[in-house]
Amino acid sequence: MMYDQTRAQQPAGQTRSTAERRAPGPEPLLPSSERDKIALRLGHALNSFTDTPREALEEAESAYDEATAQLVNALAERRRVLRAGWEGQDPATRSDELRHALREYREITRRLLQL
């Protein structure tokens, strides 16, 4: 276990929020509430398969369709925001802004390739 200087400097008994304890990383593509709803539907389909296999498969397919539709919408919105940041700007746009956009495209594309 590594020494956590930030944690060591906190007063005894002080706890950090869940967001502060979460490992740093990219922002989720879907809000947690939407991910939770889809996961519950999929879990229900898995649990009901023995009693009603066809209905379970239809529910699993519906959860899959919802997840893919929401993912496509989230990716399209992220692309729209990124493009708005650099498209149509003066050709002398600072390379910092362009570099940031390139990093964002790279991060999202890498995440997609790991799915």
PDB file of N, CA and C in Angstrom:
ATOM      1  N   MET A   1       0.845  -1.184   0.000  1.00  0.00           N
ATOM      2  CA  MET A   1       0.000   0.000   0.000  1.00  0.00           C
ATOM      3  C   MET A   1       0.885   1.240   0.000  1.00  0.00           C
ATOM      4  N   MET A   2       0.539   2.208  -0.835  1.00  0.00           N
ATOM      5  CA  MET A   2       1.339   3.420  -0.939  1.00  0.00           C
ATOM      6  C   MET A   2       0.902   4.439   0.101  1.00  0.00           C
ATOM      7  N   TYR A   3       1.814   5.271   0.509  1.00  0.00           N
ATOM      8  CA  TYR A   3       1.550   6.341   1.454  1.00  0.00           C
ATOM      9  C   TYR A   3       0.739   7.437   0.769  1.00  0.00           C
ATOM     10  N   ASP A   4      -0.380   7.817   1.367  1.00  0.00           N
ATOM     11  CA  ASP A   4      -1.250   8.850   0.820  1.00  0.00           C
ATOM     12  C   ASP A   4      -1.071  10.101   1.663  1.00  0.00           C
ATOM     13  N   GLN A   5      -0.283  11.060   1.173  1.00  0.00           N
ATOM     14  CA  GLN A   5       0.025  12.261   1.931  1.00  0.00           C
ATOM     15  C   GLN A   5      -1.216  13.093   2.212  1.00  0.00           C
ATOM     16  N   THR A   6      -2.109  13.200   1.248  1.00  0.00           N
ATOM     17  CA  THR A   6      -3.336  13.976   1.435  1.00  0.00           C
ATOM     18  C   THR A   6      -4.165  13.384   2.566  1.00  0.00           C
ATOM     19  N   ARG A   7      -4.309  12.076   2.552  1.00  0.00           N
ATOM     20  CA  ARG A   7      -5.090  11.407   3.592  1.00  0.00           C
ATOM     21  C   ARG A   7      -4.424  11.547   4.953  1.00  0.00           C
ATOM     22  N   ALA A   8      -3.112  11.457   4.984  1.00  0.00           N
ATOM     23  CA  ALA A   8      -2.386  11.565   6.249  1.00  0.00           C
ATOM     24  C   ALA A   8      -2.532  12.949   6.860  1.00  0.00           C
ATOM     25  N   GLN A   9      -2.751  13.958   6.051  1.00  0.00           N
ATOM     26  CA  GLN A   9      -2.861  15.324   6.547  1.00  0.00           C
ATOM     27  C   GLN A   9      -4.270  15.685   7.005  1.00  0.00           C
ATOM     28  N   GLN A  10      -5.240  14.813   6.773  1.00  0.00           N
ATOM     29  CA  GLN A  10      -6.610  15.090   7.198  1.00  0.00           C
ATOM     30  C   GLN A  10      -6.738  14.859   8.697  1.00  0.00           C
ATOM     31  N   PRO A  11      -7.576  15.663   9.362  1.00  0.00           N
ATOM     32  CA  PRO A  11      -7.815  15.444  10.789  1.00  0.00           C
ATOM     33  C   PRO A  11      -8.423  14.065  11.022  1.00  0.00           C
ATOM     34  N   ALA A  12      -8.112  13.475  12.150  1.00  0.00           N
ATOM     35  CA  ALA A  12      -8.641  12.150  12.486  1.00  0.00           C
ATOM     36  C   ALA A  12     -10.162  12.186  12.483  1.00  0.00           C
ATOM     37  N   GLY A  13     -10.772  11.154  11.954  1.00  0.00           N
ATOM     38  CA  GLY A  13     -12.229  11.057  11.949  1.00  0.00           C
ATOM     39  C   GLY A  13     -12.898  11.738  10.774  1.00  0.00           C
ATOM     40  N   GLN A  14     -12.156  12.498   9.992  1.00  0.00           N
ATOM     41  CA  GLN A  14     -12.753  13.172   8.838  1.00  0.00           C
ATOM     42  C   GLN A  14     -12.778  12.192   7.677  1.00  0.00           C
ATOM     43  N   THR A  15     -13.957  12.018   7.097  1.00  0.00           N
ATOM     44  CA  THR A  15     -14.071  11.101   5.970  1.00  0.00           C
ATOM     45  C   THR A  15     -14.249  11.894   4.698  1.00  0.00           C
ATOM     46  N   ARG A  16     -13.800  11.316   3.625  1.00  0.00           N
ATOM     47  CA  ARG A  16     -13.948  11.971   2.325  1.00  0.00           C
ATOM     48  C   ARG A  16     -15.227  11.492   1.669  1.00  0.00           C
ATOM     49  N   SER A  17     -15.772  12.311   0.793  1.00  0.00           N
ATOM     50  CA  SER A  17     -16.982  11.929   0.075  1.00  0.00           C
ATOM     51  C   SER A  17     -16.649  10.843  -0.942  1.00  0.00           C
ATOM     52  N   THR A  18     -17.696  10.215  -1.472  1.00  0.00           N
ATOM     53  CA  THR A  18     -17.503   9.162  -2.463  1.00  0.00           C
ATOM     54  C   THR A  18     -16.763   9.697  -3.677  1.00  0.00           C
ATOM     55  N   ALA A  19     -17.099  10.901  -4.111  1.00  0.00           N
ATOM     56  CA  ALA A  19     -16.451  11.481  -5.283  1.00  0.00           C
ATOM     57  C   ALA A  19     -14.960  11.683  -5.038  1.00  0.00           C
ATOM     58  N   GLU A  20     -14.598  12.056  -3.839  1.00  0.00           N
ATOM     59  CA  GLU A  20     -13.188  12.259  -3.520  1.00  0.00           C
ATOM     60  C   GLU A  20     -12.441  10.935  -3.427  1.00  0.00           C
ATOM     61  N   ARG A  21     -13.127   9.861  -3.032  1.00  0.00           N
ATOM     62  CA  ARG A  21     -12.483   8.553  -2.911  1.00  0.00           C
ATOM     63  C   ARG A  21     -12.361   7.852  -4.244  1.00  0.00           C
ATOM     64  N   ARG A  22     -13.160   8.238  -5.206  1.00  0.00           N
ATOM     65  CA  ARG A  22     -13.160   7.597  -6.512  1.00  0.00           C
ATOM     66  C   ARG A  22     -11.810   7.798  -7.183  1.00  0.00           C
ATOM     67  N   ALA A  23     -11.330   6.751  -7.804  1.00  0.00           N
ATOM     68  CA  ALA A  23     -10.058   6.841  -8.509  1.00  0.00           C
ATOM     69  C   ALA A  23     -10.192   7.834  -9.660  1.00  0.00           C
ATOM     70  N   PRO A  24      -9.148   8.606  -9.897  1.00  0.00           N
ATOM     71  CA  PRO A  24      -9.227   9.554 -11.007  1.00  0.00           C
ATOM     72  C   PRO A  24      -9.340   8.802 -12.318  1.00  0.00           C
ATOM     73  N   GLY A  25     -10.055   9.386 -13.219  1.00  0.00           N
ATOM     74  CA  GLY A  25     -10.226   8.740 -14.521  1.00  0.00           C
ATOM     75  C   GLY A  25     -11.173   9.547 -15.362  1.00  0.00           C
ATOM     76  N   PRO A  26     -11.466   9.042 -16.541  1.00  0.00           N
ATOM     77  CA  PRO A  26     -12.345   9.792 -17.437  1.00  0.00           C
ATOM     78  C   PRO A  26     -13.770   9.836 -16.908  1.00  0.00           C
ATOM     79  N   GLU A  27     -14.446  10.881 -17.283  1.00  0.00           N
ATOM     80  CA  GLU A  27     -15.849  11.046 -16.901  1.00  0.00           C
ATOM     81  C   GLU A  27     -16.684   9.960 -17.588  1.00  0.00           C
ATOM     82  N   PRO A  28     -17.623   9.349 -16.856  1.00  0.00           N
ATOM     83  CA  PRO A  28     -18.469   8.325 -17.485  1.00  0.00           C
ATOM     84  C   PRO A  28     -19.249   8.906 -18.658  1.00  0.00           C
ATOM     85  N   LEU A  29     -19.474   8.092 -19.664  1.00  0.00           N
ATOM     86  CA  LEU A  29     -20.207   8.555 -20.841  1.00  0.00           C
ATOM     87  C   LEU A  29     -21.697   8.689 -20.551  1.00  0.00           C
ATOM     88  N   LEU A  30     -22.231   7.854 -19.655  1.00  0.00           N
ATOM     89  CA  LEU A  30     -23.642   7.918 -19.280  1.00  0.00           C
ATOM     90  C   LEU A  30     -23.754   8.275 -17.808  1.00  0.00           C
ATOM     91  N   PRO A  31     -24.774   9.035 -17.443  1.00  0.00           N
ATOM     92  CA  PRO A  31     -24.989   9.352 -16.029  1.00  0.00           C
ATOM     93  C   PRO A  31     -25.222   8.068 -15.227  1.00  0.00           C
ATOM     94  N   SER A  32     -24.791   8.059 -13.984  1.00  0.00           N
ATOM     95  CA  SER A  32     -24.911   6.850 -13.160  1.00  0.00           C
ATOM     96  C   SER A  32     -26.366   6.416 -12.998  1.00  0.00           C
ATOM     97  N   SER A  33     -27.300   7.358 -12.926  1.00  0.00           N
ATOM     98  CA  SER A  33     -28.707   6.979 -12.767  1.00  0.00           C
ATOM     99  C   SER A  33     -29.191   6.173 -13.975  1.00  0.00           C
ATOM    100  N   GLU A  34     -28.770   6.566 -15.175  1.00  0.00           N
ATOM    101  CA  GLU A  34     -29.169   5.843 -16.384  1.00  0.00           C
ATOM    102  C   GLU A  34     -28.484   4.480 -16.443  1.00  0.00           C
ATOM    103  N   ARG A  35     -27.207   4.438 -16.090  1.00  0.00           N
ATOM    104  CA  ARG A  35     -26.498   3.149 -16.061  1.00  0.00           C
ATOM    105  C   ARG A  35     -27.161   2.208 -15.069  1.00  0.00           C
ATOM    106  N   ASP A  36     -27.558   2.731 -13.907  1.00  0.00           N
ATOM    107  CA  ASP A  36     -28.193   1.902 -12.878  1.00  0.00           C
ATOM    108  C   ASP A  36     -29.529   1.338 -13.359  1.00  0.00           C
ATOM    109  N   LYS A  37     -30.328   2.171 -14.045  1.00  0.00           N
ATOM    110  CA  LYS A  37     -31.624   1.699 -14.556  1.00  0.00           C
ATOM    111  C   LYS A  37     -31.443   0.551 -15.546  1.00  0.00           C
ATOM    112  N   ILE A  38     -30.493   0.721 -16.442  1.00  0.00           N
ATOM    113  CA  ILE A  38     -30.256  -0.313 -17.447  1.00  0.00           C
ATOM    114  C   ILE A  38     -29.726  -1.584 -16.785  1.00  0.00           C
ATOM    115  N   ALA A  39     -28.830  -1.427 -15.819  1.00  0.00           N
ATOM    116  CA  ALA A  39     -28.282  -2.589 -15.114  1.00  0.00           C
ATOM    117  C   ALA A  39     -29.376  -3.331 -14.350  1.00  0.00           C
ATOM    118  N   LEU A  40     -30.308  -2.601 -13.760  1.00  0.00           N
ATOM    119  CA  LEU A  40     -31.420  -3.250 -13.059  1.00  0.00           C
ATOM    120  C   LEU A  40     -32.291  -4.047 -14.025  1.00  0.00           C
ATOM    121  N   ARG A  41     -32.565  -3.461 -15.173  1.00  0.00           N
ATOM    122  CA  ARG A  41     -33.374  -4.174 -16.175  1.00  0.00           C
ATOM    123  C   ARG A  41     -32.669  -5.439 -16.653  1.00  0.00           C
ATOM    124  N   LEU A  42     -31.382  -5.334 -16.885  1.00  0.00           N
ATOM    125  CA  LEU A  42     -30.623  -6.498 -17.315  1.00  0.00           C
ATOM    126  C   LEU A  42     -30.586  -7.553 -16.212  1.00  0.00           C
ATOM    127  N   GLY A  43     -30.388  -7.120 -14.981  1.00  0.00           N
ATOM    128  CA  GLY A  43     -30.399  -8.045 -13.848  1.00  0.00           C
ATOM    129  C   GLY A  43     -31.734  -8.756 -13.711  1.00  0.00           C
ATOM    130  N   HIS A  44     -32.811  -8.008 -13.907  1.00  0.00           N
ATOM    131  CA  HIS A  44     -34.145  -8.608 -13.837  1.00  0.00           C
ATOM    132  C   HIS A  44     -34.300  -9.662 -14.927  1.00  0.00           C
ATOM    133  N   ALA A  45     -33.818  -9.350 -16.134  1.00  0.00           N
ATOM    134  CA  ALA A  45     -33.902 -10.318 -17.233  1.00  0.00           C
ATOM    135  C   ALA A  45     -33.128 -11.595 -16.883  1.00  0.00           C
ATOM    136  N   LEU A  46     -31.956 -11.436 -16.334  1.00  0.00           N
ATOM    137  CA  LEU A  46     -31.153 -12.607 -15.970  1.00  0.00           C
ATOM    138  C   LEU A  46     -31.834 -13.444 -14.886  1.00  0.00           C
ATOM    139  N   ASN A  47     -32.411 -12.766 -13.919  1.00  0.00           N
ATOM    140  CA  ASN A  47     -33.055 -13.473 -12.805  1.00  0.00           C
ATOM    141  C   ASN A  47     -34.373 -14.139 -13.207  1.00  0.00           C
ATOM    142  N   SER A  48     -35.034 -13.644 -14.235  1.00  0.00           N
ATOM    143  CA  SER A  48     -36.324 -14.208 -14.627  1.00  0.00           C
ATOM    144  C   SER A  48     -36.219 -15.217 -15.766  1.00  0.00           C
ATOM    145  N   PHE A  49     -35.016 -15.472 -16.228  1.00  0.00           N
ATOM    146  CA  PHE A  49     -34.842 -16.360 -17.382  1.00  0.00           C
ATOM    147  C   PHE A  49     -35.412 -17.756 -17.143  1.00  0.00           C
ATOM    148  N   THR A  50     -35.199 -18.304 -15.979  1.00  0.00           N
ATOM    149  CA  THR A  50     -35.655 -19.662 -15.700  1.00  0.00           C
ATOM    150  C   THR A  50     -37.166 -19.787 -15.836  1.00  0.00           C
ATOM    151  N   ASP A  51     -37.895 -18.814 -15.323  1.00  0.00           N
ATOM    152  CA  ASP A  51     -39.355 -18.867 -15.357  1.00  0.00           C
ATOM    153  C   ASP A  51     -39.944 -18.440 -16.699  1.00  0.00           C
ATOM    154  N   THR A  52     -39.369 -17.421 -17.295  1.00  0.00           N
ATOM    155  CA  THR A  52     -39.906 -16.888 -18.551  1.00  0.00           C
ATOM    156  C   THR A  52     -38.755 -16.543 -19.498  1.00  0.00           C
ATOM    157  N   PRO A  53     -38.173 -17.551 -20.139  1.00  0.00           N
ATOM    158  CA  PRO A  53     -36.980 -17.304 -20.961  1.00  0.00           C
ATOM    159  C   PRO A  53     -37.188 -16.316 -22.105  1.00  0.00           C
ATOM    160  N   ARG A  54     -38.284 -16.439 -22.828  1.00  0.00           N
ATOM    161  CA  ARG A  54     -38.501 -15.532 -23.961  1.00  0.00           C
ATOM    162  C   ARG A  54     -38.653 -14.082 -23.487  1.00  0.00           C
ATOM    163  N   GLU A  55     -39.449 -13.866 -22.451  1.00  0.00           N
ATOM    164  CA  GLU A  55     -39.626 -12.507 -21.923  1.00  0.00           C
ATOM    165  C   GLU A  55     -38.314 -11.962 -21.380  1.00  0.00           C
ATOM    166  N   ALA A  56     -37.516 -12.828 -20.758  1.00  0.00           N
ATOM    167  CA  ALA A  56     -36.214 -12.405 -20.234  1.00  0.00           C
ATOM    168  C   ALA A  56     -35.299 -11.951 -21.364  1.00  0.00           C
ATOM    169  N   LEU A  57     -35.301 -12.698 -22.461  1.00  0.00           N
ATOM    170  CA  LEU A  57     -34.477 -12.321 -23.612  1.00  0.00           C
ATOM    171  C   LEU A  57     -34.951 -11.010 -24.230  1.00  0.00           C
ATOM    172  N   GLU A  58     -36.259 -10.834 -24.296  1.00  0.00           N
ATOM    173  CA  GLU A  58     -36.790  -9.588 -24.844  1.00  0.00           C
ATOM    174  C   GLU A  58     -36.414  -8.404 -23.949  1.00  0.00           C
ATOM    175  N   GLU A  59     -36.463  -8.607 -22.641  1.00  0.00           N
ATOM    176  CA  GLU A  59     -36.079  -7.532 -21.716  1.00  0.00           C
ATOM    177  C   GLU A  59     -34.586  -7.233 -21.816  1.00  0.00           C
ATOM    178  N   ALA A  60     -33.763  -8.279 -21.948  1.00  0.00           N
ATOM    179  CA  ALA A  60     -32.322  -8.077 -22.108  1.00  0.00           C
ATOM    180  C   ALA A  60     -32.021  -7.328 -23.407  1.00  0.00           C
ATOM    181  N   GLU A  61     -32.723  -7.691 -24.460  1.00  0.00           N
ATOM    182  CA  GLU A  61     -32.537  -7.011 -25.738  1.00  0.00           C
ATOM    183  C   GLU A  61     -32.953  -5.543 -25.634  1.00  0.00           C
ATOM    184  N   SER A  62     -34.039  -5.285 -24.943  1.00  0.00           N
ATOM    185  CA  SER A  62     -34.507  -3.913 -24.754  1.00  0.00           C
ATOM    186  C   SER A  62     -33.496  -3.092 -23.945  1.00  0.00           C
ATOM    187  N   ALA A  63     -32.919  -3.698 -22.917  1.00  0.00           N
ATOM    188  CA  ALA A  63     -31.898  -3.013 -22.109  1.00  0.00           C
ATOM    189  C   ALA A  63     -30.678  -2.712 -22.976  1.00  0.00           C
ATOM    190  N   TYR A  64     -30.300  -3.669 -23.808  1.00  0.00           N
ATOM    191  CA  TYR A  64     -29.178  -3.478 -24.729  1.00  0.00           C
ATOM    192  C   TYR A  64     -29.470  -2.323 -25.688  1.00  0.00           C
ATOM    193  N   ASP A  65     -30.658  -2.323 -26.269  1.00  0.00           N
ATOM    194  CA  ASP A  65     -31.032  -1.258 -27.201  1.00  0.00           C
ATOM    195  C   ASP A  65     -30.999   0.105 -26.522  1.00  0.00           C
ATOM    196  N   GLU A  66     -31.506   0.172 -25.304  1.00  0.00           N
ATOM    197  CA  GLU A  66     -31.499   1.443 -24.576  1.00  0.00           C
ATOM    198  C   GLU A  66     -30.077   1.902 -24.292  1.00  0.00           C
ATOM    199  N   ALA A  67     -29.231   0.981 -23.869  1.00  0.00           N
ATOM    200  CA  ALA A  67     -27.840   1.329 -23.566  1.00  0.00           C
ATOM    201  C   ALA A  67     -27.124   1.842 -24.813  1.00  0.00           C
ATOM    202  N   THR A  68     -27.308   1.160 -25.940  1.00  0.00           N
ATOM    203  CA  THR A  68     -26.617   1.597 -27.157  1.00  0.00           C
ATOM    204  C   THR A  68     -27.155   2.944 -27.645  1.00  0.00           C
ATOM    205  N   ALA A  69     -28.460   3.145 -27.553  1.00  0.00           N
ATOM    206  CA  ALA A  69     -29.037   4.431 -27.984  1.00  0.00           C
ATOM    207  C   ALA A  69     -28.514   5.574 -27.109  1.00  0.00           C
ATOM    208  N   GLN A  70     -28.479   5.362 -25.804  1.00  0.00           N
ATOM    209  CA  GLN A  70     -27.985   6.409 -24.917  1.00  0.00           C
ATOM    210  C   GLN A  70     -26.500   6.674 -25.139  1.00  0.00           C
ATOM    211  N   LEU A  71     -25.760   5.615 -25.396  1.00  0.00           N
ATOM    212  CA  LEU A  71     -24.330   5.779 -25.665  1.00  0.00           C
ATOM    213  C   LEU A  71     -24.101   6.567 -26.956  1.00  0.00           C
ATOM    214  N   VAL A  72     -24.839   6.235 -27.998  1.00  0.00           N
ATOM    215  CA  VAL A  72     -24.717   6.960 -29.266  1.00  0.00           C
ATOM    216  C   VAL A  72     -25.061   8.437 -29.056  1.00  0.00           C
ATOM    217  N   ASN A  73     -26.120   8.713 -28.324  1.00  0.00           N
ATOM    218  CA  ASN A  73     -26.506  10.107 -28.059  1.00  0.00           C
ATOM    219  C   ASN A  73     -25.438  10.840 -27.242  1.00  0.00           C
ATOM    220  N   ALA A  74     -24.894  10.173 -26.235  1.00  0.00           N
ATOM    221  CA  ALA A  74     -23.857  10.801 -25.397  1.00  0.00           C
ATOM    222  C   ALA A  74     -22.603  11.085 -26.221  1.00  0.00           C
ATOM    223  N   LEU A  75     -22.223  10.153 -27.081  1.00  0.00           N
ATOM    224  CA  LEU A  75     -21.044  10.361 -27.926  1.00  0.00           C
ATOM    225  C   LEU A  75     -21.273  11.475 -28.940  1.00  0.00           C
ATOM    226  N   ALA A  76     -22.461  11.548 -29.504  1.00  0.00           N
ATOM    227  CA  ALA A  76     -22.775  12.615 -30.457  1.00  0.00           C
ATOM    228  C   ALA A  76     -22.724  13.980 -29.775  1.00  0.00           C
ATOM    229  N   GLU A  77     -23.232  14.053 -28.555  1.00  0.00           N
ATOM    230  CA  GLU A  77     -23.196  15.320 -27.813  1.00  0.00           C
ATOM    231  C   GLU A  77     -21.764  15.708 -27.477  1.00  0.00           C
ATOM    232  N   ARG A  78     -20.973  14.743 -27.047  1.00  0.00           N
ATOM    233  CA  ARG A  78     -19.571  15.032 -26.733  1.00  0.00           C
ATOM    234  C   ARG A  78     -18.847  15.524 -27.980  1.00  0.00           C
ATOM    235  N   ARG A  79     -19.120  14.904 -29.115  1.00  0.00           N
ATOM    236  CA  ARG A  79     -18.502  15.321 -30.381  1.00  0.00           C
ATOM    237  C   ARG A  79     -18.939  16.735 -30.742  1.00  0.00           C
ATOM    238  N   ARG A  80     -20.220  17.029 -30.572  1.00  0.00           N
ATOM    239  CA  ARG A  80     -20.729  18.365 -30.894  1.00  0.00           C
ATOM    240  C   ARG A  80     -20.010  19.431 -30.065  1.00  0.00           C
ATOM    241  N   VAL A  81     -19.844  19.161 -28.775  1.00  0.00           N
ATOM    242  CA  VAL A  81     -19.181  20.119 -27.883  1.00  0.00           C
ATOM    243  C   VAL A  81     -17.716  20.290 -28.276  1.00  0.00           C
ATOM    244  N   LEU A  82     -17.049  19.187 -28.561  1.00  0.00           N
ATOM    245  CA  LEU A  82     -15.641  19.276 -28.965  1.00  0.00           C
ATOM    246  C   LEU A  82     -15.493  20.068 -30.268  1.00  0.00           C
ATOM    247  N   ARG A  83     -16.329  19.745 -31.241  1.00  0.00           N
ATOM    248  CA  ARG A  83     -16.234  20.410 -32.542  1.00  0.00           C
ATOM    249  C   ARG A  83     -16.508  21.912 -32.395  1.00  0.00           C
ATOM    250  N   ALA A  84     -17.461  22.268 -31.568  1.00  0.00           N
ATOM    251  CA  ALA A  84     -17.791  23.679 -31.368  1.00  0.00           C
ATOM    252  C   ALA A  84     -16.592  24.441 -30.800  1.00  0.00           C
ATOM    253  N   GLY A  85     -15.724  23.738 -30.102  1.00  0.00           N
ATOM    254  CA  GLY A  85     -14.558  24.384 -29.509  1.00  0.00           C
ATOM    255  C   GLY A  85     -13.468  24.753 -30.496  1.00  0.00           C
ATOM    256  N   TRP A  86     -13.456  24.101 -31.640  1.00  0.00           N
ATOM    257  CA  TRP A  86     -12.386  24.414 -32.586  1.00  0.00           C
ATOM    258  C   TRP A  86     -12.856  24.752 -33.999  1.00  0.00           C
ATOM    259  N   GLU A  87     -14.011  24.290 -34.404  1.00  0.00           N
ATOM    260  CA  GLU A  87     -14.469  24.516 -35.776  1.00  0.00           C
ATOM    261  C   GLU A  87     -14.839  25.979 -35.987  1.00  0.00           C
ATOM    262  N   GLY A  88     -14.477  26.492 -37.123  1.00  0.00           N
ATOM    263  CA  GLY A  88     -14.856  27.850 -37.484  1.00  0.00           C
ATOM    264  C   GLY A  88     -14.059  28.926 -36.765  1.00  0.00           C
ATOM    265  N   GLN A  89     -13.039  28.524 -36.054  1.00  0.00           N
ATOM    266  CA  GLN A  89     -12.220  29.521 -35.369  1.00  0.00           C
ATOM    267  C   GLN A  89     -11.155  30.066 -36.310  1.00  0.00           C
ATOM    268  N   ASP A  90     -10.622  31.178 -35.929  1.00  0.00           N
ATOM    269  CA  ASP A  90      -9.547  31.813 -36.670  1.00  0.00           C
ATOM    270  C   ASP A  90      -8.414  30.803 -36.872  1.00  0.00           C
ATOM    271  N   PRO A  91      -7.861  30.734 -38.076  1.00  0.00           N
ATOM    272  CA  PRO A  91      -6.767  29.788 -38.317  1.00  0.00           C
ATOM    273  C   PRO A  91      -5.592  29.974 -37.359  1.00  0.00           C
ATOM    274  N   ALA A  92      -5.511  31.126 -36.774  1.00  0.00           N
ATOM    275  CA  ALA A  92      -4.431  31.381 -35.822  1.00  0.00           C
ATOM    276  C   ALA A  92      -4.807  30.926 -34.410  1.00  0.00           C
ATOM    277  N   THR A  93      -5.854  30.110 -34.302  1.00  0.00           N
ATOM    278  CA  THR A  93      -6.277  29.608 -32.997  1.00  0.00           C
ATOM    279  C   THR A  93      -5.076  29.012 -32.286  1.00  0.00           C
ATOM    280  N   ARG A  94      -5.014  29.279 -31.017  1.00  0.00           N
ATOM    281  CA  ARG A  94      -3.877  28.787 -30.242  1.00  0.00           C
ATOM    282  C   ARG A  94      -3.770  27.275 -30.340  1.00  0.00           C
ATOM    283  N   SER A  95      -2.571  26.818 -30.497  1.00  0.00           N
ATOM    284  CA  SER A  95      -2.355  25.383 -30.616  1.00  0.00           C
ATOM    285  C   SER A  95      -2.723  24.656 -29.331  1.00  0.00           C
ATOM    286  N   ASP A  96      -2.737  25.360 -28.190  1.00  0.00           N
ATOM    287  CA  ASP A  96      -3.146  24.726 -26.922  1.00  0.00           C
ATOM    288  C   ASP A  96      -4.582  24.220 -27.023  1.00  0.00           C
ATOM    289  N   GLU A  97      -5.462  25.038 -27.573  1.00  0.00           N
ATOM    290  CA  GLU A  97      -6.871  24.672 -27.696  1.00  0.00           C
ATOM    291  C   GLU A  97      -7.037  23.493 -28.651  1.00  0.00           C
ATOM    292  N   LEU A  98      -6.306  23.516 -29.735  1.00  0.00           N
ATOM    293  CA  LEU A  98      -6.374  22.419 -30.692  1.00  0.00           C
ATOM    294  C   LEU A  98      -5.801  21.137 -30.094  1.00  0.00           C
ATOM    295  N   ARG A  99      -4.716  21.276 -29.366  1.00  0.00           N
ATOM    296  CA  ARG A  99      -4.103  20.114 -28.717  1.00  0.00           C
ATOM    297  C   ARG A  99      -5.054  19.499 -27.700  1.00  0.00           C
ATOM    298  N   HIS A 100      -5.748  20.331 -26.956  1.00  0.00           N
ATOM    299  CA  HIS A 100      -6.722  19.838 -25.969  1.00  0.00           C
ATOM    300  C   HIS A 100      -7.832  19.047 -26.678  1.00  0.00           C
ATOM    301  N   ALA A 101      -8.345  19.585 -27.771  1.00  0.00           N
ATOM    302  CA  ALA A 101      -9.402  18.891 -28.518  1.00  0.00           C
ATOM    303  C   ALA A 101      -8.884  17.560 -29.048  1.00  0.00           C
ATOM    304  N   LEU A 102      -7.658  17.547 -29.551  1.00  0.00           N
ATOM    305  CA  LEU A 102      -7.074  16.306 -30.058  1.00  0.00           C
ATOM    306  C   LEU A 102      -6.960  15.265 -28.949  1.00  0.00           C
ATOM    307  N   ARG A 103      -6.545  15.689 -27.760  1.00  0.00           N
ATOM    308  CA  ARG A 103      -6.452  14.762 -26.621  1.00  0.00           C
ATOM    309  C   ARG A 103      -7.820  14.187 -26.262  1.00  0.00           C
ATOM    310  N   GLU A 104      -8.839  15.025 -26.297  1.00  0.00           N
ATOM    311  CA  GLU A 104     -10.193  14.559 -25.986  1.00  0.00           C
ATOM    312  C   GLU A 104     -10.667  13.529 -27.004  1.00  0.00           C
ATOM    313  N   TYR A 105     -10.440  13.798 -28.291  1.00  0.00           N
ATOM    314  CA  TYR A 105     -10.810  12.828 -29.322  1.00  0.00           C
ATOM    315  C   TYR A 105     -10.052  11.514 -29.113  1.00  0.00           C
ATOM    316  N   ARG A 106      -8.778  11.618 -28.811  1.00  0.00           N
ATOM    317  CA  ARG A 106      -7.966  10.417 -28.584  1.00  0.00           C
ATOM    318  C   ARG A 106      -8.502   9.615 -27.402  1.00  0.00           C
ATOM    319  N   GLU A 107      -8.823  10.281 -26.300  1.00  0.00           N
ATOM    320  CA  GLU A 107      -9.317   9.602 -25.100  1.00  0.00           C
ATOM    321  C   GLU A 107     -10.633   8.878 -25.378  1.00  0.00           C
ATOM    322  N   ILE A 108     -11.556   9.559 -26.010  1.00  0.00           N
ATOM    323  CA  ILE A 108     -12.858   8.953 -26.296  1.00  0.00           C
ATOM    324  C   ILE A 108     -12.701   7.778 -27.257  1.00  0.00           C
ATOM    325  N   THR A 109     -11.897   7.953 -28.288  1.00  0.00           N
ATOM    326  CA  THR A 109     -11.705   6.874 -29.264  1.00  0.00           C
ATOM    327  C   THR A 109     -11.040   5.669 -28.612  1.00  0.00           C
ATOM    328  N   ARG A 110     -10.061   5.881 -27.774  1.00  0.00           N
ATOM    329  CA  ARG A 110      -9.419   4.759 -27.069  1.00  0.00           C
ATOM    330  C   ARG A 110     -10.408   4.029 -26.180  1.00  0.00           C
ATOM    331  N   ARG A 111     -11.244   4.777 -25.503  1.00  0.00           N
ATOM    332  CA  ARG A 111     -12.258   4.147 -24.661  1.00  0.00           C
ATOM    333  C   ARG A 111     -13.213   3.293 -25.493  1.00  0.00           C
ATOM    334  N   LEU A 112     -13.596   3.793 -26.659  1.00  0.00           N
ATOM    335  CA  LEU A 112     -14.483   3.028 -27.530  1.00  0.00           C
ATOM    336  C   LEU A 112     -13.813   1.739 -28.012  1.00  0.00           C
ATOM    337  N   LEU A 113     -12.547   1.814 -28.314  1.00  0.00           N
ATOM    338  CA  LEU A 113     -11.824   0.642 -28.810  1.00  0.00           C
ATOM    339  C   LEU A 113     -11.630  -0.408 -27.721  1.00  0.00           C
ATOM    340  N   GLN A 114     -11.760  -0.014 -26.462  1.00  0.00           N
ATOM    341  CA  GLN A 114     -11.609  -0.962 -25.369  1.00  0.00           C
ATOM    342  C   GLN A 114     -12.921  -1.614 -24.968  1.00  0.00           C
ATOM    343  N   LEU A 115     -14.021  -1.186 -25.553  1.00  0.00           N
ATOM    344  CA  LEU A 115     -15.314  -1.778 -25.233  1.00  0.00           C
ATOM    345  C   LEU A 115     -15.407  -3.198 -25.705  1.00  0.00           C
TER     346      LEU A 115
END
